[in-house]
Amino acid sequence: MSAAPLKDRVALITGASRGIGRAAALELARAGAHVIAVARTEGGLTALDDEITELGGSATLVPLDLQDFEAIDRLGAAVFERWKRLDVLIGNAGLLGNLGPMSHIRPEDWQILTNVNLTANWRLIRSFDVLLRQSDAGRAIFVTSGAARSFKAYWGGYGVTKAALEAMVKIYAAELNKTNVRANLLNPGPIATGLRAKAFPGENPASIPQPEDLAPLFVEMASPDFDRNGEIVDFQ
């Protein structure tokens, strides 16, 4: 792989202000991509922009709550107006929710989990599919979890929404077979993030891989040379 495998490519990533998203955004910029960084926290985005600038890269910052679905549509229109295409779409943002019995999940919490983990990613597909098809090698990557297939007690909200995400992305990938676009899922496994710390508060974060360890896999999967489609790619 060349020193700048994503040179001049336009890559959008959600949840870009911290954790896996931040590390992936920096690695994408390092690989030559212009990064459209989407997150709720403006301060985190500004700090990310400073780091990308220090690397010699470039970014467009988009403070956006993914539950504002119409804002996702407006973002799609803005990307079209400026670039006429999108080369890489990374649906990284996700919520754990509260771990507990299925029957104890509050309806409003269930709705938020569904909004962020599933519906927002469908809205991204809906808004950016046409732009990915304008790329010579559009690549869509969605972050999943082993919880989607382990069916662990008390992980209902997170596990169900990630399982639904996997089904949605695989169906989308099947629709892309005869195009230049590829859609896959990335399963990070245990990574030292805030979400992981909430789920496993007694775990030593230094004992598991860091977001920076995972980041090069995003670049590999975003590359035009990565031709797999409809697969779950495990980091560990």
C-alpha atoms as a PDB file:
ATOM      1  CA  MET A   1       0.000   0.000   0.000  1.00  0.00           C
ATOM      2  CA  SER A   2       1.338   3.462  -0.902  1.00  0.00           C
ATOM      3  CA  ALA A   3       2.219   6.106   1.656  1.00  0.00           C
ATOM      4  CA  ALA A   4      -0.992   7.970   0.794  1.00  0.00           C
ATOM      5  CA  PRO A   5      -3.458   5.291  -0.344  1.00  0.00           C
ATOM      6  CA  LEU A   6      -6.436   7.651   0.014  1.00  0.00           C
ATOM      7  CA  LYS A   7      -4.875  10.699  -1.653  1.00  0.00           C
ATOM      8  CA  ASP A   8      -7.515  13.187  -2.872  1.00  0.00           C
ATOM      9  CA  ARG A   9     -10.393  10.975  -1.694  1.00  0.00           C
ATOM     10  CA  VAL A  10     -13.302  12.405   0.285  1.00  0.00           C
ATOM     11  CA  ALA A  11     -14.198  10.466   3.428  1.00  0.00           C
ATOM     12  CA  LEU A  12     -17.067  11.114   5.850  1.00  0.00           C
ATOM     13  CA  ILE A  13     -17.000   9.611   9.339  1.00  0.00           C
ATOM     14  CA  THR A  14     -19.541   9.866  12.150  1.00  0.00           C
ATOM     15  CA  GLY A  15     -18.621   9.902  15.820  1.00  0.00           C
ATOM     16  CA  ALA A  16     -15.352  11.518  14.799  1.00  0.00           C
ATOM     17  CA  SER A  17     -14.581  13.555  17.905  1.00  0.00           C
ATOM     18  CA  ARG A  18     -13.362  10.759  20.196  1.00  0.00           C
ATOM     19  CA  GLY A  19     -12.462   7.094  20.532  1.00  0.00           C
ATOM     20  CA  ILE A  20     -12.476   4.939  17.420  1.00  0.00           C
ATOM     21  CA  GLY A  21     -13.893   7.708  15.256  1.00  0.00           C
ATOM     22  CA  ARG A  22     -11.195  10.194  16.186  1.00  0.00           C
ATOM     23  CA  ALA A  23      -8.401   7.668  15.629  1.00  0.00           C
ATOM     24  CA  ALA A  24      -9.900   6.633  12.276  1.00  0.00           C
ATOM     25  CA  ALA A  25     -10.292  10.256  11.159  1.00  0.00           C
ATOM     26  CA  LEU A  26      -6.635  10.967  11.911  1.00  0.00           C
ATOM     27  CA  GLU A  27      -5.521   7.844  10.064  1.00  0.00           C
ATOM     28  CA  LEU A  28      -7.688   8.681   7.050  1.00  0.00           C
ATOM     29  CA  ALA A  29      -6.174  12.176   6.944  1.00  0.00           C
ATOM     30  CA  ARG A  30      -2.694  10.712   7.295  1.00  0.00           C
ATOM     31  CA  ALA A  31      -3.492   8.482   4.307  1.00  0.00           C
ATOM     32  CA  GLY A  32      -4.328  11.535   2.196  1.00  0.00           C
ATOM     33  CA  ALA A  33      -8.119  11.774   2.452  1.00  0.00           C
ATOM     34  CA  HIS A  34     -10.063  14.960   3.034  1.00  0.00           C
ATOM     35  CA  VAL A  35     -12.048  14.100   6.155  1.00  0.00           C
ATOM     36  CA  ILE A  36     -15.625  15.230   6.717  1.00  0.00           C
ATOM     37  CA  ALA A  37     -15.758  14.828  10.492  1.00  0.00           C
ATOM     38  CA  VAL A  38     -19.247  14.512  11.983  1.00  0.00           C
ATOM     39  CA  ALA A  39     -19.918  14.610  15.741  1.00  0.00           C
ATOM     40  CA  ARG A  40     -22.103  16.308  18.336  1.00  0.00           C
ATOM     41  CA  THR A  41     -19.275  17.967  20.302  1.00  0.00           C
ATOM     42  CA  GLU A  42     -17.833  21.055  18.648  1.00  0.00           C
ATOM     43  CA  GLY A  43     -14.882  21.183  21.050  1.00  0.00           C
ATOM     44  CA  GLY A  44     -13.858  17.650  20.147  1.00  0.00           C
ATOM     45  CA  LEU A  45     -14.144  18.431  16.447  1.00  0.00           C
ATOM     46  CA  THR A  46     -12.014  21.562  16.806  1.00  0.00           C
ATOM     47  CA  ALA A  47      -9.295  19.594  18.612  1.00  0.00           C
ATOM     48  CA  LEU A  48      -9.437  16.941  15.876  1.00  0.00           C
ATOM     49  CA  ASP A  49      -9.093  19.609  13.196  1.00  0.00           C
ATOM     50  CA  ASP A  50      -5.974  20.967  14.903  1.00  0.00           C
ATOM     51  CA  GLU A  51      -4.432  17.478  14.938  1.00  0.00           C
ATOM     52  CA  ILE A  52      -5.295  16.862  11.285  1.00  0.00           C
ATOM     53  CA  THR A  53      -3.760  20.229  10.333  1.00  0.00           C
ATOM     54  CA  GLU A  54      -0.589  19.282  12.202  1.00  0.00           C
ATOM     55  CA  LEU A  55      -0.436  16.132  10.078  1.00  0.00           C
ATOM     56  CA  GLY A  56      -0.648  18.256   6.943  1.00  0.00           C
ATOM     57  CA  GLY A  57      -4.166  17.009   6.219  1.00  0.00           C
ATOM     58  CA  SER A  58      -7.486  18.739   5.716  1.00  0.00           C
ATOM     59  CA  ALA A  59     -10.930  18.391   7.237  1.00  0.00           C
ATOM     60  CA  THR A  60     -14.437  19.771   7.129  1.00  0.00           C
ATOM     61  CA  LEU A  61     -16.116  19.877  10.541  1.00  0.00           C
ATOM     62  CA  VAL A  62     -19.816  19.073  10.850  1.00  0.00           C
ATOM     63  CA  PRO A  63     -21.369  19.482  14.325  1.00  0.00           C
ATOM     64  CA  LEU A  64     -24.473  17.334  13.983  1.00  0.00           C
ATOM     65  CA  ASP A  65     -26.721  15.190  16.153  1.00  0.00           C
ATOM     66  CA  LEU A  66     -27.433  12.029  14.165  1.00  0.00           C
ATOM     67  CA  GLN A  67     -30.973  11.996  15.538  1.00  0.00           C
ATOM     68  CA  ASP A  68     -31.586  15.093  13.418  1.00  0.00           C
ATOM     69  CA  PHE A  69     -32.381  13.031  10.343  1.00  0.00           C
ATOM     70  CA  GLU A  70     -33.221  16.010   8.147  1.00  0.00           C
ATOM     71  CA  ALA A  71     -29.758  17.417   8.921  1.00  0.00           C
ATOM     72  CA  ILE A  72     -28.264  14.228   7.452  1.00  0.00           C
ATOM     73  CA  ASP A  73     -30.204  14.931   4.256  1.00  0.00           C
ATOM     74  CA  ARG A  74     -28.919  18.499   4.216  1.00  0.00           C
ATOM     75  CA  LEU A  75     -25.370  17.220   4.694  1.00  0.00           C
ATOM     76  CA  GLY A  76     -25.786  14.953   1.686  1.00  0.00           C
ATOM     77  CA  ALA A  77     -26.873  17.928  -0.401  1.00  0.00           C
ATOM     78  CA  ALA A  78     -23.910  20.002   0.836  1.00  0.00           C
ATOM     79  CA  VAL A  79     -21.406  17.250  -0.014  1.00  0.00           C
ATOM     80  CA  PHE A  80     -22.921  16.947  -3.478  1.00  0.00           C
ATOM     81  CA  GLU A  81     -22.716  20.695  -4.018  1.00  0.00           C
ATOM     82  CA  ARG A  82     -19.035  20.855  -3.037  1.00  0.00           C
ATOM     83  CA  TRP A  83     -17.564  17.565  -4.275  1.00  0.00           C
ATOM     84  CA  LYS A  84     -20.233  15.907  -6.452  1.00  0.00           C
ATOM     85  CA  ARG A  85     -19.226  12.542  -4.931  1.00  0.00           C
ATOM     86  CA  LEU A  86     -18.274  10.715  -1.742  1.00  0.00           C
ATOM     87  CA  ASP A  87     -15.505   8.130  -1.820  1.00  0.00           C
ATOM     88  CA  VAL A  88     -15.726   6.777   1.729  1.00  0.00           C
ATOM     89  CA  LEU A  89     -18.638   6.643   4.185  1.00  0.00           C
ATOM     90  CA  ILE A  90     -17.924   5.412   7.719  1.00  0.00           C
ATOM     91  CA  GLY A  91     -20.868   4.908  10.070  1.00  0.00           C
ATOM     92  CA  ASN A  92     -19.015   4.733  13.368  1.00  0.00           C
ATOM     93  CA  ALA A  93     -21.167   6.559  15.915  1.00  0.00           C
ATOM     94  CA  GLY A  94     -23.027   4.315  18.326  1.00  0.00           C
ATOM     95  CA  LEU A  95     -24.594   4.191  21.781  1.00  0.00           C
ATOM     96  CA  LEU A  96     -24.431   1.410  24.366  1.00  0.00           C
ATOM     97  CA  GLY A  97     -27.512   2.378  26.343  1.00  0.00           C
ATOM     98  CA  ASN A  98     -28.168   0.938  29.786  1.00  0.00           C
ATOM     99  CA  LEU A  99     -27.430  -2.744  30.259  1.00  0.00           C
ATOM    100  CA  GLY A 100     -30.306  -4.581  31.892  1.00  0.00           C
ATOM    101  CA  PRO A 101     -33.339  -6.815  31.295  1.00  0.00           C
ATOM    102  CA  MET A 102     -35.208  -6.282  28.023  1.00  0.00           C
ATOM    103  CA  SER A 103     -38.411  -5.665  29.950  1.00  0.00           C
ATOM    104  CA  HIS A 104     -36.777  -2.818  31.886  1.00  0.00           C
ATOM    105  CA  ILE A 105     -35.686  -0.748  28.872  1.00  0.00           C
ATOM    106  CA  ARG A 106     -37.629   2.504  28.837  1.00  0.00           C
ATOM    107  CA  PRO A 107     -39.407   3.226  25.538  1.00  0.00           C
ATOM    108  CA  GLU A 108     -37.585   6.535  25.171  1.00  0.00           C
ATOM    109  CA  ASP A 109     -34.202   4.832  25.642  1.00  0.00           C
ATOM    110  CA  TRP A 110     -35.110   2.130  23.117  1.00  0.00           C
ATOM    111  CA  GLN A 111     -36.014   4.853  20.624  1.00  0.00           C
ATOM    112  CA  ILE A 112     -32.710   6.676  21.101  1.00  0.00           C
ATOM    113  CA  LEU A 113     -30.710   3.465  20.621  1.00  0.00           C
ATOM    114  CA  THR A 114     -32.666   2.659  17.474  1.00  0.00           C
ATOM    115  CA  ASN A 115     -32.260   6.214  16.184  1.00  0.00           C
ATOM    116  CA  VAL A 116     -28.473   6.331  16.579  1.00  0.00           C
ATOM    117  CA  ASN A 117     -27.367   2.732  16.025  1.00  0.00           C
ATOM    118  CA  LEU A 118     -29.713   1.863  13.179  1.00  0.00           C
ATOM    119  CA  THR A 119     -31.906   4.567  11.674  1.00  0.00           C
ATOM    120  CA  ALA A 120     -29.145   7.172  11.418  1.00  0.00           C
ATOM    121  CA  ASN A 121     -27.050   4.695   9.426  1.00  0.00           C
ATOM    122  CA  TRP A 122     -30.000   4.000   7.126  1.00  0.00           C
ATOM    123  CA  ARG A 123     -30.390   7.750   6.644  1.00  0.00           C
ATOM    124  CA  LEU A 124     -26.682   7.950   5.774  1.00  0.00           C
ATOM    125  CA  ILE A 125     -27.168   5.229   3.157  1.00  0.00           C
ATOM    126  CA  ARG A 126     -30.283   6.977   1.865  1.00  0.00           C
ATOM    127  CA  SER A 127     -28.506  10.336   1.571  1.00  0.00           C
ATOM    128  CA  PHE A 128     -25.091   9.218   0.327  1.00  0.00           C
ATOM    129  CA  ASP A 129     -25.728   6.171  -1.850  1.00  0.00           C
ATOM    130  CA  VAL A 130     -26.004   8.311  -4.966  1.00  0.00           C
ATOM    131  CA  LEU A 131     -22.748  10.104  -4.075  1.00  0.00           C
ATOM    132  CA  LEU A 132     -20.883   6.849  -3.387  1.00  0.00           C
ATOM    133  CA  ARG A 133     -21.977   5.684  -6.840  1.00  0.00           C
ATOM    134  CA  GLN A 134     -20.371   8.806  -8.334  1.00  0.00           C
ATOM    135  CA  SER A 135     -17.006   7.645  -6.968  1.00  0.00           C
ATOM    136  CA  ASP A 136     -14.783   5.341  -9.004  1.00  0.00           C
ATOM    137  CA  ALA A 137     -14.622   3.065  -5.928  1.00  0.00           C
ATOM    138  CA  GLY A 138     -17.111   4.070  -3.249  1.00  0.00           C
ATOM    139  CA  ARG A 139     -16.560   2.342   0.086  1.00  0.00           C
ATOM    140  CA  ALA A 140     -19.101   2.208   2.938  1.00  0.00           C
ATOM    141  CA  ILE A 141     -17.963   0.881   6.331  1.00  0.00           C
ATOM    142  CA  PHE A 142     -20.206   0.437   9.352  1.00  0.00           C
ATOM    143  CA  VAL A 143     -18.942  -0.386  12.841  1.00  0.00           C
ATOM    144  CA  THR A 144     -20.646  -3.367  14.442  1.00  0.00           C
ATOM    145  CA  SER A 145     -20.051  -5.479  17.555  1.00  0.00           C
ATOM    146  CA  GLY A 146     -19.840  -9.091  18.608  1.00  0.00           C
ATOM    147  CA  ALA A 147     -22.908  -8.298  20.738  1.00  0.00           C
ATOM    148  CA  ALA A 148     -24.945  -8.544  17.538  1.00  0.00           C
ATOM    149  CA  ARG A 149     -24.331 -12.296  17.427  1.00  0.00           C
ATOM    150  CA  SER A 150     -23.595 -13.331  21.025  1.00  0.00           C
ATOM    151  CA  PHE A 151     -27.151 -12.857  22.375  1.00  0.00           C
ATOM    152  CA  LYS A 152     -25.927 -12.059  25.865  1.00  0.00           C
ATOM    153  CA  ALA A 153     -28.402 -11.426  28.653  1.00  0.00           C
ATOM    154  CA  TYR A 154     -28.909  -7.740  29.512  1.00  0.00           C
ATOM    155  CA  TRP A 155     -27.383  -6.501  26.253  1.00  0.00           C
ATOM    156  CA  GLY A 156     -30.761  -6.314  24.505  1.00  0.00           C
ATOM    157  CA  GLY A 157     -30.925  -2.730  23.267  1.00  0.00           C
ATOM    158  CA  TYR A 158     -27.354  -2.617  21.985  1.00  0.00           C
ATOM    159  CA  GLY A 159     -27.311  -6.189  20.670  1.00  0.00           C
ATOM    160  CA  VAL A 160     -30.620  -5.898  18.824  1.00  0.00           C
ATOM    161  CA  THR A 161     -29.742  -2.610  17.129  1.00  0.00           C
ATOM    162  CA  LYS A 162     -26.314  -3.890  16.065  1.00  0.00           C
ATOM    163  CA  ALA A 163     -27.868  -7.115  14.730  1.00  0.00           C
ATOM    164  CA  ALA A 164     -30.311  -5.042  12.717  1.00  0.00           C
ATOM    165  CA  LEU A 165     -27.438  -2.884  11.446  1.00  0.00           C
ATOM    166  CA  GLU A 166     -25.620  -5.989  10.221  1.00  0.00           C
ATOM    167  CA  ALA A 167     -28.719  -7.215   8.378  1.00  0.00           C
ATOM    168  CA  MET A 168     -29.265  -3.802   6.795  1.00  0.00           C
ATOM    169  CA  VAL A 169     -25.669  -3.418   5.594  1.00  0.00           C
ATOM    170  CA  LYS A 170     -25.569  -6.944   4.147  1.00  0.00           C
ATOM    171  CA  ILE A 171     -28.786  -6.290   2.222  1.00  0.00           C
ATOM    172  CA  TYR A 172     -27.391  -2.970   1.007  1.00  0.00           C
ATOM    173  CA  ALA A 173     -24.193  -4.723  -0.080  1.00  0.00           C
ATOM    174  CA  ALA A 174     -26.209  -7.238  -2.080  1.00  0.00           C
ATOM    175  CA  GLU A 175     -27.756  -4.338  -3.946  1.00  0.00           C
ATOM    176  CA  LEU A 176     -24.278  -3.025  -4.802  1.00  0.00           C
ATOM    177  CA  ASN A 177     -22.860  -6.169  -6.412  1.00  0.00           C
ATOM    178  CA  LYS A 178     -22.916  -4.759  -9.947  1.00  0.00           C
ATOM    179  CA  THR A 179     -21.631  -1.296  -8.995  1.00  0.00           C
ATOM    180  CA  ASN A 180     -18.281   0.237  -8.029  1.00  0.00           C
ATOM    181  CA  VAL A 181     -19.463   0.598  -4.424  1.00  0.00           C
ATOM    182  CA  ARG A 182     -18.686  -1.876  -1.645  1.00  0.00           C
ATOM    183  CA  ALA A 183     -20.321  -1.999   1.801  1.00  0.00           C
ATOM    184  CA  ASN A 184     -18.885  -3.915   4.746  1.00  0.00           C
ATOM    185  CA  LEU A 185     -19.004  -4.103   8.524  1.00  0.00           C
ATOM    186  CA  LEU A 186     -16.027  -3.745  10.838  1.00  0.00           C
ATOM    187  CA  ASN A 187     -16.082  -5.557  14.189  1.00  0.00           C
ATOM    188  CA  PRO A 188     -13.392  -4.011  16.419  1.00  0.00           C
ATOM    189  CA  GLY A 189     -13.609  -6.480  19.284  1.00  0.00           C
ATOM    190  CA  PRO A 190     -12.456  -5.188  22.692  1.00  0.00           C
ATOM    191  CA  ILE A 191     -11.071  -1.655  22.236  1.00  0.00           C
ATOM    192  CA  ALA A 192     -10.310   0.894  24.963  1.00  0.00           C
ATOM    193  CA  THR A 193     -13.137   3.375  24.397  1.00  0.00           C
ATOM    194  CA  GLY A 194     -15.604   5.217  26.582  1.00  0.00           C
ATOM    195  CA  LEU A 195     -18.357   2.828  25.494  1.00  0.00           C
ATOM    196  CA  ARG A 196     -16.238  -0.157  26.501  1.00  0.00           C
ATOM    197  CA  ALA A 197     -15.437   1.427  29.868  1.00  0.00           C
ATOM    198  CA  LYS A 198     -19.144   1.909  30.543  1.00  0.00           C
ATOM    199  CA  ALA A 199     -19.854  -1.745  29.769  1.00  0.00           C
ATOM    200  CA  PHE A 200     -16.838  -3.116  31.672  1.00  0.00           C
ATOM    201  CA  PRO A 201     -15.998  -0.559  34.375  1.00  0.00           C
ATOM    202  CA  GLY A 202     -13.540  -2.838  36.185  1.00  0.00           C
ATOM    203  CA  GLU A 203     -11.412  -3.537  33.117  1.00  0.00           C
ATOM    204  CA  ASN A 204      -7.938  -2.057  32.793  1.00  0.00           C
ATOM    205  CA  PRO A 205      -8.023  -0.137  29.464  1.00  0.00           C
ATOM    206  CA  ALA A 206      -4.277  -0.624  29.072  1.00  0.00           C
ATOM    207  CA  SER A 207      -4.853  -4.398  28.840  1.00  0.00           C
ATOM    208  CA  ILE A 208      -6.728  -4.195  25.527  1.00  0.00           C
ATOM    209  CA  PRO A 209      -5.985  -2.632  22.119  1.00  0.00           C
ATOM    210  CA  GLN A 210      -6.306   1.136  21.706  1.00  0.00           C
ATOM    211  CA  PRO A 211      -8.321   2.951  19.006  1.00  0.00           C
ATOM    212  CA  GLU A 212      -5.050   3.853  17.276  1.00  0.00           C
ATOM    213  CA  ASP A 213      -4.292   0.149  16.848  1.00  0.00           C
ATOM    214  CA  LEU A 214      -7.546  -0.332  14.949  1.00  0.00           C
ATOM    215  CA  ALA A 215      -7.350   2.790  12.786  1.00  0.00           C
ATOM    216  CA  PRO A 216      -5.206   1.359   9.922  1.00  0.00           C
ATOM    217  CA  LEU A 217      -7.940  -1.207   9.210  1.00  0.00           C
ATOM    218  CA  PHE A 218     -10.299   1.633   8.286  1.00  0.00           C
ATOM    219  CA  VAL A 219      -7.786   2.851   5.709  1.00  0.00           C
ATOM    220  CA  GLU A 220      -7.415  -0.654   4.303  1.00  0.00           C
ATOM    221  CA  MET A 221     -11.194  -1.121   4.003  1.00  0.00           C
ATOM    222  CA  ALA A 222     -11.616   2.369   2.507  1.00  0.00           C
ATOM    223  CA  SER A 223      -9.039   1.736  -0.206  1.00  0.00           C
ATOM    224  CA  PRO A 224     -10.162   1.235  -3.817  1.00  0.00           C
ATOM    225  CA  ASP A 225      -8.173  -2.025  -3.728  1.00  0.00           C
ATOM    226  CA  PHE A 226     -10.445  -3.466  -1.020  1.00  0.00           C
ATOM    227  CA  ASP A 227     -13.014  -5.334  -3.097  1.00  0.00           C
ATOM    228  CA  ARG A 228     -14.781  -7.455  -0.464  1.00  0.00           C
ATOM    229  CA  ASN A 229     -18.501  -6.799  -0.139  1.00  0.00           C
ATOM    230  CA  GLY A 230     -21.173  -7.622   2.425  1.00  0.00           C
ATOM    231  CA  GLU A 231     -18.694  -9.050   4.928  1.00  0.00           C
ATOM    232  CA  ILE A 232     -17.979  -8.626   8.625  1.00  0.00           C
ATOM    233  CA  VAL A 233     -14.280  -7.881   9.004  1.00  0.00           C
ATOM    234  CA  ASP A 234     -12.978  -8.766  12.467  1.00  0.00           C
ATOM    235  CA  PHE A 235     -10.045  -6.812  13.869  1.00  0.00           C
ATOM    236  CA  GLN A 236      -9.290  -9.468  16.474  1.00  0.00           C
END
